[in-house]
Amino acid sequence: KLYECSMCGFGSVFEDVYLEHKKTHGPGQKNYTCAECGKSFRSKSGLHMHQRKQHGFVPLKHYHCELCQKTYTERSRYDKHMKNKHSG
């Protein structure tokens, strides 16, 4: 049997994993709702991942390395790139 979350479509064959997941949609959590299908997510990153996978949205690339022209959608990946590739 597949346990499927009605809030976001997450699914698991394990009931305990499903029940633990449902807690992420609990009261007091911020909800980010997809304008395309109405599914809600606890985090903005969860919503963005859903939009890319389910609706084919292309993320905006915000962090551009002026030294080698690489572009990143997440600040943490950009920072890691700068540290590993361009710090000396």
PDB file of N, CA and C in Angstrom:
ATOM      1  N   LYS A   1       0.852  -1.185   0.000  1.00  0.00           N
ATOM      2  CA  LYS A   1       0.000   0.000   0.000  1.00  0.00           C
ATOM      3  C   LYS A   1       0.888   1.236   0.000  1.00  0.00           C
ATOM      4  N   LEU A   2       0.507   2.231  -0.780  1.00  0.00           N
ATOM      5  CA  LEU A   2       1.236   3.489  -0.818  1.00  0.00           C
ATOM      6  C   LEU A   2       0.497   4.518   0.028  1.00  0.00           C
ATOM      7  N   TYR A   3       1.208   5.096   0.975  1.00  0.00           N
ATOM      8  CA  TYR A   3       0.657   6.179   1.788  1.00  0.00           C
ATOM      9  C   TYR A   3       1.043   7.476   1.104  1.00  0.00           C
ATOM     10  N   GLU A   4       0.050   8.277   0.713  1.00  0.00           N
ATOM     11  CA  GLU A   4       0.326   9.500  -0.038  1.00  0.00           C
ATOM     12  C   GLU A   4      -0.182  10.723   0.698  1.00  0.00           C
ATOM     13  N   CYS A   5       0.663  11.731   0.773  1.00  0.00           N
ATOM     14  CA  CYS A   5       0.335  12.976   1.443  1.00  0.00           C
ATOM     15  C   CYS A   5      -0.581  13.815   0.556  1.00  0.00           C
ATOM     16  N   SER A   6      -1.708  14.209   1.089  1.00  0.00           N
ATOM     17  CA  SER A   6      -2.656  15.018   0.322  1.00  0.00           C
ATOM     18  C   SER A   6      -2.198  16.470   0.184  1.00  0.00           C
ATOM     19  N   MET A   7      -1.241  16.887   1.012  1.00  0.00           N
ATOM     20  CA  MET A   7      -0.751  18.268   0.948  1.00  0.00           C
ATOM     21  C   MET A   7       0.261  18.480  -0.171  1.00  0.00           C
ATOM     22  N   CYS A   8       1.124  17.484  -0.408  1.00  0.00           N
ATOM     23  CA  CYS A   8       2.215  17.721  -1.357  1.00  0.00           C
ATOM     24  C   CYS A   8       2.472  16.566  -2.322  1.00  0.00           C
ATOM     25  N   GLY A   9       1.811  15.444  -2.132  1.00  0.00           N
ATOM     26  CA  GLY A   9       2.010  14.322  -3.041  1.00  0.00           C
ATOM     27  C   GLY A   9       3.128  13.381  -2.636  1.00  0.00           C
ATOM     28  N   PHE A  10       3.819  13.655  -1.537  1.00  0.00           N
ATOM     29  CA  PHE A  10       4.853  12.745  -1.053  1.00  0.00           C
ATOM     30  C   PHE A  10       4.232  11.383  -0.827  1.00  0.00           C
ATOM     31  N   GLY A  11       4.953  10.327  -1.184  1.00  0.00           N
ATOM     32  CA  GLY A  11       4.416   8.988  -0.988  1.00  0.00           C
ATOM     33  C   GLY A  11       5.442   8.052  -0.401  1.00  0.00           C
ATOM     34  N   SER A  12       4.977   7.085   0.378  1.00  0.00           N
ATOM     35  CA  SER A  12       5.857   6.074   0.954  1.00  0.00           C
ATOM     36  C   SER A  12       5.073   4.783   1.162  1.00  0.00           C
ATOM     37  N   VAL A  13       5.766   3.681   1.014  1.00  0.00           N
ATOM     38  CA  VAL A  13       5.140   2.390   1.310  1.00  0.00           C
ATOM     39  C   VAL A  13       5.225   2.092   2.800  1.00  0.00           C
ATOM     40  N   PHE A  14       5.982   2.888   3.536  1.00  0.00           N
ATOM     41  CA  PHE A  14       6.136   2.695   4.972  1.00  0.00           C
ATOM     42  C   PHE A  14       5.279   3.699   5.730  1.00  0.00           C
ATOM     43  N   GLU A  15       4.372   3.189   6.536  1.00  0.00           N
ATOM     44  CA  GLU A  15       3.452   4.072   7.257  1.00  0.00           C
ATOM     45  C   GLU A  15       4.191   5.013   8.201  1.00  0.00           C
ATOM     46  N   ASP A  16       5.232   4.519   8.888  1.00  0.00           N
ATOM     47  CA  ASP A  16       5.947   5.379   9.832  1.00  0.00           C
ATOM     48  C   ASP A  16       6.658   6.541   9.128  1.00  0.00           C
ATOM     49  N   VAL A  17       7.185   6.306   7.944  1.00  0.00           N
ATOM     50  CA  VAL A  17       7.823   7.378   7.168  1.00  0.00           C
ATOM     51  C   VAL A  17       6.771   8.400   6.743  1.00  0.00           C
ATOM     52  N   TYR A  18       5.628   7.902   6.295  1.00  0.00           N
ATOM     53  CA  TYR A  18       4.522   8.778   5.895  1.00  0.00           C
ATOM     54  C   TYR A  18       4.043   9.628   7.079  1.00  0.00           C
ATOM     55  N   LEU A  19       3.854   9.008   8.236  1.00  0.00           N
ATOM     56  CA  LEU A  19       3.378   9.738   9.411  1.00  0.00           C
ATOM     57  C   LEU A  19       4.386  10.795   9.852  1.00  0.00           C
ATOM     58  N   GLU A  20       5.674  10.476   9.761  1.00  0.00           N
ATOM     59  CA  GLU A  20       6.708  11.453  10.109  1.00  0.00           C
ATOM     60  C   GLU A  20       6.684  12.617   9.120  1.00  0.00           C
ATOM     61  N   HIS A  21       6.497  12.308   7.853  1.00  0.00           N
ATOM     62  CA  HIS A  21       6.411  13.354   6.831  1.00  0.00           C
ATOM     63  C   HIS A  21       5.231  14.283   7.084  1.00  0.00           C
ATOM     64  N   LYS A  22       4.090  13.734   7.456  1.00  0.00           N
ATOM     65  CA  LYS A  22       2.882  14.553   7.672  1.00  0.00           C
ATOM     66  C   LYS A  22       3.108  15.625   8.728  1.00  0.00           C
ATOM     67  N   LYS A  23       4.014  15.386   9.656  1.00  0.00           N
ATOM     68  CA  LYS A  23       4.301  16.364  10.704  1.00  0.00           C
ATOM     69  C   LYS A  23       4.865  17.654  10.122  1.00  0.00           C
ATOM     70  N   THR A  24       5.469  17.578   8.935  1.00  0.00           N
ATOM     71  CA  THR A  24       6.038  18.780   8.333  1.00  0.00           C
ATOM     72  C   THR A  24       4.954  19.748   7.893  1.00  0.00           C
ATOM     73  N   HIS A  25       3.727  19.277   7.806  1.00  0.00           N
ATOM     74  CA  HIS A  25       2.609  20.136   7.422  1.00  0.00           C
ATOM     75  C   HIS A  25       1.756  20.524   8.632  1.00  0.00           C
ATOM     76  N   GLY A  26       2.303  20.325   9.823  1.00  0.00           N
ATOM     77  CA  GLY A  26       1.542  20.557  11.040  1.00  0.00           C
ATOM     78  C   GLY A  26       1.205  22.018  11.273  1.00  0.00           C
ATOM     79  N   PRO A  27       0.364  22.276  12.285  1.00  0.00           N
ATOM     80  CA  PRO A  27      -0.041  23.642  12.623  1.00  0.00           C
ATOM     81  C   PRO A  27       1.171  24.494  12.984  1.00  0.00           C
ATOM     82  N   GLY A  28       1.098  25.750  12.629  1.00  0.00           N
ATOM     83  CA  GLY A  28       2.172  26.674  12.950  1.00  0.00           C
ATOM     84  C   GLY A  28       3.278  26.699  11.917  1.00  0.00           C
ATOM     85  N   GLN A  29       3.261  25.779  10.982  1.00  0.00           N
ATOM     86  CA  GLN A  29       4.272  25.770   9.936  1.00  0.00           C
ATOM     87  C   GLN A  29       3.895  26.765   8.848  1.00  0.00           C
ATOM     88  N   LYS A  30       4.887  27.375   8.240  1.00  0.00           N
ATOM     89  CA  LYS A  30       4.622  28.258   7.106  1.00  0.00           C
ATOM     90  C   LYS A  30       4.229  27.400   5.918  1.00  0.00           C
ATOM     91  N   ASN A  31       3.248  27.830   5.206  1.00  0.00           N
ATOM     92  CA  ASN A  31       2.848  27.097   4.019  1.00  0.00           C
ATOM     93  C   ASN A  31       3.111  27.923   2.779  1.00  0.00           C
ATOM     94  N   TYR A  32       3.754  27.311   1.819  1.00  0.00           N
ATOM     95  CA  TYR A  32       3.998  27.905   0.508  1.00  0.00           C
ATOM     96  C   TYR A  32       3.169  27.097  -0.472  1.00  0.00           C
ATOM     97  N   THR A  33       2.275  27.750  -1.180  1.00  0.00           N
ATOM     98  CA  THR A  33       1.317  27.071  -2.035  1.00  0.00           C
ATOM     99  C   THR A  33       1.667  27.259  -3.509  1.00  0.00           C
ATOM    100  N   CYS A  34       1.609  26.168  -4.238  1.00  0.00           N
ATOM    101  CA  CYS A  34       1.868  26.196  -5.671  1.00  0.00           C
ATOM    102  C   CYS A  34       0.676  26.818  -6.391  1.00  0.00           C
ATOM    103  N   ALA A  35       0.948  27.847  -7.165  1.00  0.00           N
ATOM    104  CA  ALA A  35      -0.120  28.532  -7.901  1.00  0.00           C
ATOM    105  C   ALA A  35      -0.675  27.663  -9.026  1.00  0.00           C
ATOM    106  N   GLU A  36       0.094  26.692  -9.477  1.00  0.00           N
ATOM    107  CA  GLU A  36      -0.342  25.831 -10.576  1.00  0.00           C
ATOM    108  C   GLU A  36      -1.349  24.775 -10.128  1.00  0.00           C
ATOM    109  N   CYS A  37      -1.080  24.125  -8.984  1.00  0.00           N
ATOM    110  CA  CYS A  37      -1.914  22.990  -8.594  1.00  0.00           C
ATOM    111  C   CYS A  37      -2.482  23.083  -7.185  1.00  0.00           C
ATOM    112  N   GLY A  38      -2.052  24.067  -6.394  1.00  0.00           N
ATOM    113  CA  GLY A  38      -2.602  24.251  -5.064  1.00  0.00           C
ATOM    114  C   GLY A  38      -1.956  23.436  -3.957  1.00  0.00           C
ATOM    115  N   LYS A  39      -0.955  22.616  -4.266  1.00  0.00           N
ATOM    116  CA  LYS A  39      -0.281  21.845  -3.220  1.00  0.00           C
ATOM    117  C   LYS A  39       0.545  22.789  -2.352  1.00  0.00           C
ATOM    118  N   SER A  40       0.614  22.469  -1.051  1.00  0.00           N
ATOM    119  CA  SER A  40       1.306  23.338  -0.107  1.00  0.00           C
ATOM    120  C   SER A  40       2.576  22.687   0.413  1.00  0.00           C
ATOM    121  N   PHE A  41       3.531  23.544   0.762  1.00  0.00           N
ATOM    122  CA  PHE A  41       4.823  23.074   1.226  1.00  0.00           C
ATOM    123  C   PHE A  41       5.269  23.858   2.432  1.00  0.00           C
ATOM    124  N   ARG A  42       6.094  23.227   3.254  1.00  0.00           N
ATOM    125  CA  ARG A  42       6.581  23.836   4.475  1.00  0.00           C
ATOM    126  C   ARG A  42       7.637  24.893   4.191  1.00  0.00           C
ATOM    127  N   SER A  43       8.388  24.698   3.121  1.00  0.00           N
ATOM    128  CA  SER A  43       9.472  25.635   2.829  1.00  0.00           C
ATOM    129  C   SER A  43       9.391  26.133   1.393  1.00  0.00           C
ATOM    130  N   LYS A  44      10.015  27.271   1.169  1.00  0.00           N
ATOM    131  CA  LYS A  44      10.066  27.824  -0.175  1.00  0.00           C
ATOM    132  C   LYS A  44      10.869  26.910  -1.092  1.00  0.00           C
ATOM    133  N   SER A  45      11.928  26.305  -0.547  1.00  0.00           N
ATOM    134  CA  SER A  45      12.737  25.399  -1.367  1.00  0.00           C
ATOM    135  C   SER A  45      11.946  24.153  -1.761  1.00  0.00           C
ATOM    136  N   GLY A  46      11.090  23.681  -0.867  1.00  0.00           N
ATOM    137  CA  GLY A  46      10.225  22.550  -1.203  1.00  0.00           C
ATOM    138  C   GLY A  46       9.261  22.891  -2.325  1.00  0.00           C
ATOM    139  N   LEU A  47       8.712  24.083  -2.264  1.00  0.00           N
ATOM    140  CA  LEU A  47       7.818  24.546  -3.320  1.00  0.00           C
ATOM    141  C   LEU A  47       8.566  24.655  -4.642  1.00  0.00           C
ATOM    142  N   HIS A  48       9.761  25.232  -4.608  1.00  0.00           N
ATOM    143  CA  HIS A  48      10.535  25.395  -5.834  1.00  0.00           C
ATOM    144  C   HIS A  48      10.917  24.049  -6.443  1.00  0.00           C
ATOM    145  N   MET A  49      11.282  23.087  -5.592  1.00  0.00           N
ATOM    146  CA  MET A  49      11.623  21.762  -6.094  1.00  0.00           C
ATOM    147  C   MET A  49      10.405  21.131  -6.771  1.00  0.00           C
ATOM    148  N   HIS A  50       9.255  21.246  -6.138  1.00  0.00           N
ATOM    149  CA  HIS A  50       8.008  20.734  -6.709  1.00  0.00           C
ATOM    150  C   HIS A  50       7.723  21.388  -8.060  1.00  0.00           C
ATOM    151  N   GLN A  51       7.858  22.698  -8.128  1.00  0.00           N
ATOM    152  CA  GLN A  51       7.566  23.415  -9.361  1.00  0.00           C
ATOM    153  C   GLN A  51       8.496  22.991 -10.496  1.00  0.00           C
ATOM    154  N   ARG A  52       9.762  22.738 -10.167  1.00  0.00           N
ATOM    155  CA  ARG A  52      10.702  22.284 -11.197  1.00  0.00           C
ATOM    156  C   ARG A  52      10.353  20.880 -11.674  1.00  0.00           C
ATOM    157  N   LYS A  53      10.077  19.973 -10.728  1.00  0.00           N
ATOM    158  CA  LYS A  53       9.828  18.573 -11.081  1.00  0.00           C
ATOM    159  C   LYS A  53       8.462  18.347 -11.709  1.00  0.00           C
ATOM    160  N   GLN A  54       7.444  18.944 -11.145  1.00  0.00           N
ATOM    161  CA  GLN A  54       6.080  18.663 -11.579  1.00  0.00           C
ATOM    162  C   GLN A  54       5.591  19.565 -12.703  1.00  0.00           C
ATOM    163  N   HIS A  55       6.080  20.794 -12.750  1.00  0.00           N
ATOM    164  CA  HIS A  55       5.544  21.750 -13.711  1.00  0.00           C
ATOM    165  C   HIS A  55       6.589  22.265 -14.697  1.00  0.00           C
ATOM    166  N   GLY A  56       7.818  21.781 -14.581  1.00  0.00           N
ATOM    167  CA  GLY A  56       8.856  22.147 -15.529  1.00  0.00           C
ATOM    168  C   GLY A  56       9.350  23.579 -15.428  1.00  0.00           C
ATOM    169  N   PHE A  57       9.144  24.205 -14.274  1.00  0.00           N
ATOM    170  CA  PHE A  57       9.618  25.578 -14.113  1.00  0.00           C
ATOM    171  C   PHE A  57      11.139  25.599 -14.100  1.00  0.00           C
ATOM    172  N   VAL A  58      11.703  26.565 -14.748  1.00  0.00           N
ATOM    173  CA  VAL A  58      13.144  26.736 -14.753  1.00  0.00           C
ATOM    174  C   VAL A  58      13.485  27.760 -13.681  1.00  0.00           C
ATOM    175  N   PRO A  59      14.339  27.376 -12.741  1.00  0.00           N
ATOM    176  CA  PRO A  59      14.662  28.320 -11.665  1.00  0.00           C
ATOM    177  C   PRO A  59      15.457  29.511 -12.183  1.00  0.00           C
ATOM    178  N   LEU A  60      15.248  30.634 -11.540  1.00  0.00           N
ATOM    179  CA  LEU A  60      16.037  31.815 -11.855  1.00  0.00           C
ATOM    180  C   LEU A  60      17.428  31.615 -11.279  1.00  0.00           C
ATOM    181  N   LYS A  61      18.439  31.989 -12.020  1.00  0.00           N
ATOM    182  CA  LYS A  61      19.813  31.846 -11.546  1.00  0.00           C
ATOM    183  C   LYS A  61      20.257  33.189 -10.989  1.00  0.00           C
ATOM    184  N   HIS A  62      20.540  33.211  -9.703  1.00  0.00           N
ATOM    185  CA  HIS A  62      20.791  34.458  -8.996  1.00  0.00           C
ATOM    186  C   HIS A  62      22.253  34.767  -8.729  1.00  0.00           C
ATOM    187  N   TYR A  63      23.093  33.754  -8.555  1.00  0.00           N
ATOM    188  CA  TYR A  63      24.458  33.970  -8.100  1.00  0.00           C
ATOM    189  C   TYR A  63      25.423  33.656  -9.231  1.00  0.00           C
ATOM    190  N   HIS A  64      26.055  34.687  -9.758  1.00  0.00           N
ATOM    191  CA  HIS A  64      26.891  34.566 -10.943  1.00  0.00           C
ATOM    192  C   HIS A  64      28.347  34.832 -10.579  1.00  0.00           C
ATOM    193  N   CYS A  65      29.221  33.872 -10.895  1.00  0.00           N
ATOM    194  CA  CYS A  65      30.652  34.034 -10.642  1.00  0.00           C
ATOM    195  C   CYS A  65      31.258  34.845 -11.774  1.00  0.00           C
ATOM    196  N   GLU A  66      31.793  35.991 -11.446  1.00  0.00           N
ATOM    197  CA  GLU A  66      32.397  36.864 -12.442  1.00  0.00           C
ATOM    198  C   GLU A  66      33.751  36.333 -12.919  1.00  0.00           C
ATOM    199  N   LEU A  67      34.336  35.406 -12.165  1.00  0.00           N
ATOM    200  CA  LEU A  67      35.658  34.897 -12.524  1.00  0.00           C
ATOM    201  C   LEU A  67      35.610  33.795 -13.572  1.00  0.00           C
ATOM    202  N   CYS A  68      34.570  32.965 -13.547  1.00  0.00           N
ATOM    203  CA  CYS A  68      34.517  31.851 -14.502  1.00  0.00           C
ATOM    204  C   CYS A  68      33.158  31.703 -15.178  1.00  0.00           C
ATOM    205  N   GLN A  69      32.240  32.597 -14.895  1.00  0.00           N
ATOM    206  CA  GLN A  69      30.920  32.642 -15.539  1.00  0.00           C
ATOM    207  C   GLN A  69      29.953  31.550 -15.104  1.00  0.00           C
ATOM    208  N   LYS A  70      30.261  30.779 -14.064  1.00  0.00           N
ATOM    209  CA  LYS A  70      29.291  29.804 -13.558  1.00  0.00           C
ATOM    210  C   LYS A  70      28.180  30.536 -12.833  1.00  0.00           C
ATOM    211  N   THR A  71      26.988  29.940 -12.854  1.00  0.00           N
ATOM    212  CA  THR A  71      25.826  30.555 -12.227  1.00  0.00           C
ATOM    213  C   THR A  71      25.161  29.544 -11.303  1.00  0.00           C
ATOM    214  N   TYR A  72      24.683  30.015 -10.150  1.00  0.00           N
ATOM    215  CA  TYR A  72      24.078  29.157  -9.131  1.00  0.00           C
ATOM    216  C   TYR A  72      22.733  29.711  -8.684  1.00  0.00           C
ATOM    217  N   THR A  73      21.824  28.819  -8.343  1.00  0.00           N
ATOM    218  CA  THR A  73      20.517  29.229  -7.842  1.00  0.00           C
ATOM    219  C   THR A  73      20.503  29.333  -6.317  1.00  0.00           C
ATOM    220  N   GLU A  74      21.511  28.741  -5.672  1.00  0.00           N
ATOM    221  CA  GLU A  74      21.563  28.765  -4.209  1.00  0.00           C
ATOM    222  C   GLU A  74      22.838  29.448  -3.750  1.00  0.00           C
ATOM    223  N   ARG A  75      22.705  30.325  -2.780  1.00  0.00           N
ATOM    224  CA  ARG A  75      23.851  31.069  -2.248  1.00  0.00           C
ATOM    225  C   ARG A  75      24.902  30.131  -1.673  1.00  0.00           C
ATOM    226  N   SER A  76      24.471  29.078  -0.986  1.00  0.00           N
ATOM    227  CA  SER A  76      25.425  28.165  -0.354  1.00  0.00           C
ATOM    228  C   SER A  76      26.306  27.473  -1.391  1.00  0.00           C
ATOM    229  N   ARG A  77      25.742  27.128  -2.530  1.00  0.00           N
ATOM    230  CA  ARG A  77      26.538  26.478  -3.584  1.00  0.00           C
ATOM    231  C   ARG A  77      27.504  27.477  -4.227  1.00  0.00           C
ATOM    232  N   TYR A  78      27.047  28.698  -4.395  1.00  0.00           N
ATOM    233  CA  TYR A  78      27.912  29.753  -4.922  1.00  0.00           C
ATOM    234  C   TYR A  78      29.084  29.987  -3.968  1.00  0.00           C
ATOM    235  N   ASP A  79      28.795  30.104  -2.674  1.00  0.00           N
ATOM    236  CA  ASP A  79      29.846  30.330  -1.679  1.00  0.00           C
ATOM    237  C   ASP A  79      30.851  29.182  -1.676  1.00  0.00           C
ATOM    238  N   LYS A  80      30.366  27.956  -1.765  1.00  0.00           N
ATOM    239  CA  LYS A  80      31.246  26.789  -1.790  1.00  0.00           C
ATOM    240  C   LYS A  80      32.125  26.822  -3.039  1.00  0.00           C
ATOM    241  N   HIS A  81      31.538  27.167  -4.172  1.00  0.00           N
ATOM    242  CA  HIS A  81      32.290  27.293  -5.419  1.00  0.00           C
ATOM    243  C   HIS A  81      33.411  28.319  -5.269  1.00  0.00           C
ATOM    244  N   MET A  82      33.083  29.477  -4.735  1.00  0.00           N
ATOM    245  CA  MET A  82      34.074  30.538  -4.587  1.00  0.00           C
ATOM    246  C   MET A  82      35.214  30.085  -3.668  1.00  0.00           C
ATOM    247  N   LYS A  83      34.881  29.404  -2.600  1.00  0.00           N
ATOM    248  CA  LYS A  83      35.892  28.932  -1.658  1.00  0.00           C
ATOM    249  C   LYS A  83      36.794  27.879  -2.286  1.00  0.00           C
ATOM    250  N   ASN A  84      36.159  26.911  -2.982  1.00  0.00           N
ATOM    251  CA  ASN A  84      36.924  25.784  -3.524  1.00  0.00           C
ATOM    252  C   ASN A  84      37.672  26.110  -4.820  1.00  0.00           C
ATOM    253  N   LYS A  85      37.139  26.998  -5.624  1.00  0.00           N
ATOM    254  CA  LYS A  85      37.727  27.239  -6.951  1.00  0.00           C
ATOM    255  C   LYS A  85      38.554  28.526  -7.040  1.00  0.00           C
ATOM    256  N   HIS A  86      38.237  29.525  -6.226  1.00  0.00           N
ATOM    257  CA  HIS A  86      38.856  30.824  -6.444  1.00  0.00           C
ATOM    258  C   HIS A  86      39.569  31.417  -5.224  1.00  0.00           C
ATOM    259  N   SER A  87      39.600  30.699  -4.121  1.00  0.00           N
ATOM    260  CA  SER A  87      40.338  31.260  -2.974  1.00  0.00           C
ATOM    261  C   SER A  87      41.769  30.719  -3.018  1.00  0.00           C
ATOM    262  N   GLY A  88      42.695  31.519  -2.664  1.00  0.00           N
ATOM    263  CA  GLY A  88      44.059  31.073  -2.812  1.00  0.00           C
ATOM    264  C   GLY A  88      44.862  31.451  -1.662  1.00  0.00           C
TER     265      GLY A  88
END
